[in-house]
Protein backbone atom coordinates (compact mmCIF):
# COMPACT_ATOMS: atom_id res chain seq x y z
CA MET A 1 -6.51 5.37 152.42
CA SER A 2 -8.89 5.42 149.53
CA GLU A 3 -11.13 8.00 147.95
CA THR A 4 -14.73 7.43 146.88
CA VAL A 5 -16.63 9.78 144.59
CA LEU A 6 -20.29 10.45 145.30
CA ASP A 7 -22.26 12.24 142.58
CA VAL A 8 -25.33 13.93 144.07
CA LYS A 9 -25.73 16.61 141.41
CA ASP A 10 -29.32 17.79 140.90
CA LEU A 11 -30.37 16.59 144.38
CA LYS A 12 -31.70 19.20 146.79
CA CYS A 13 -31.19 19.67 150.53
CA PRO A 14 -31.04 17.52 152.61
CA LEU A 15 -30.35 14.64 150.18
CA PRO A 16 -26.67 15.42 149.40
CA VAL A 17 -25.73 15.30 153.11
CA LEU A 18 -27.89 12.24 153.78
CA ARG A 19 -26.29 10.32 150.90
CA ALA A 20 -22.81 11.40 152.03
CA ASN A 21 -23.58 10.25 155.57
CA ARG A 22 -24.66 6.84 154.28
CA SER A 23 -21.44 6.51 152.27
CA LEU A 24 -19.20 7.64 155.12
CA ARG A 25 -20.70 5.03 157.47
CA THR A 26 -19.43 2.26 155.17
CA MET A 27 -15.92 3.69 154.81
CA ALA A 28 -12.82 3.02 156.86
CA PRO A 29 -11.48 5.70 159.24
CA GLY A 30 -9.29 8.16 157.35
CA ASP A 31 -10.79 7.38 153.93
CA ARG A 32 -11.86 10.32 151.79
CA LEU A 33 -15.21 11.02 150.19
CA ARG A 34 -15.40 13.44 147.27
CA VAL A 35 -18.94 14.78 146.86
CA LEU A 36 -20.13 16.49 143.67
CA ALA A 37 -23.25 18.60 144.22
CA THR A 38 -25.14 21.40 142.51
CA ASP A 39 -27.32 22.61 145.40
CA ARG A 40 -25.92 25.93 146.69
CA ALA A 41 -27.19 25.09 150.18
CA ALA A 42 -24.73 22.18 150.25
CA VAL A 43 -21.88 24.53 151.20
CA ALA A 44 -23.41 25.45 154.56
CA ASP A 45 -24.89 21.96 154.97
CA PHE A 46 -21.55 20.16 154.64
CA GLN A 47 -19.77 22.66 156.87
CA ALA A 48 -22.35 22.12 159.61
CA TYR A 49 -22.46 18.35 159.05
CA CYS A 50 -18.69 17.99 159.42
CA ARG A 51 -18.60 20.26 162.47
CA GLU A 52 -21.33 18.19 164.15
CA THR A 53 -20.05 14.71 163.24
CA GLY A 54 -16.29 15.12 163.58
CA HIS A 55 -15.54 14.32 159.94
CA ALA A 56 -13.02 16.71 158.38
CA LEU A 57 -14.07 18.96 155.51
CA LEU A 58 -10.64 19.13 153.88
CA ALA A 59 -11.59 21.32 150.93
CA TRP A 60 -14.44 22.58 148.87
CA SER A 61 -14.61 24.44 145.59
CA GLU A 62 -17.10 25.44 142.92
CA GLU A 63 -16.62 25.31 139.18
CA ALA A 64 -19.32 25.87 136.57
CA GLY A 65 -22.07 25.41 139.14
CA VAL A 66 -20.73 22.12 140.53
CA PHE A 67 -19.53 22.06 144.13
CA ASN A 68 -16.72 19.68 144.97
CA PHE A 69 -16.34 18.70 148.66
CA VAL A 70 -13.55 16.51 150.04
CA ILE A 71 -14.39 14.93 153.40
CA ARG A 72 -12.11 12.70 155.48
CA ARG A 73 -13.93 10.15 157.63
CA ARG A 74 -13.28 10.65 161.33
CA ALA A 75 -10.76 8.32 162.96
CA THR A 76 -13.22 6.61 165.29
CA ASP A 77 -16.92 6.41 165.90
CA PRO A 78 -18.06 8.28 168.99
CA ALA A 79 -18.95 6.20 172.02
CA PRO A 80 -22.66 5.61 172.46
CA LYS A 81 -24.27 7.98 174.92
CA GLU A 82 -25.49 6.43 178.12
CA ASP A 83 -29.00 7.20 179.29
CA GLY A 84 -29.24 8.95 182.61
CA PRO A 85 -31.05 7.47 185.64
């Protein structure tokens, strides 16, 4: 497993989550993404994002106005949804 650092400081909602999503799509299952953000809304945004996508929000903290999120990429991609009749 590897860890990638994504610096999205000074970006406002929804850009931190969108950039994290783009990074996670290129990563292997189980890899970790460390996101550095300054937008206070990122706390709720990343919690909701991980809950909805199945990625694991392993930890988050704040120090001197910088939020540090550690996200583990989900093990597998969800199966595509089939359209109904």
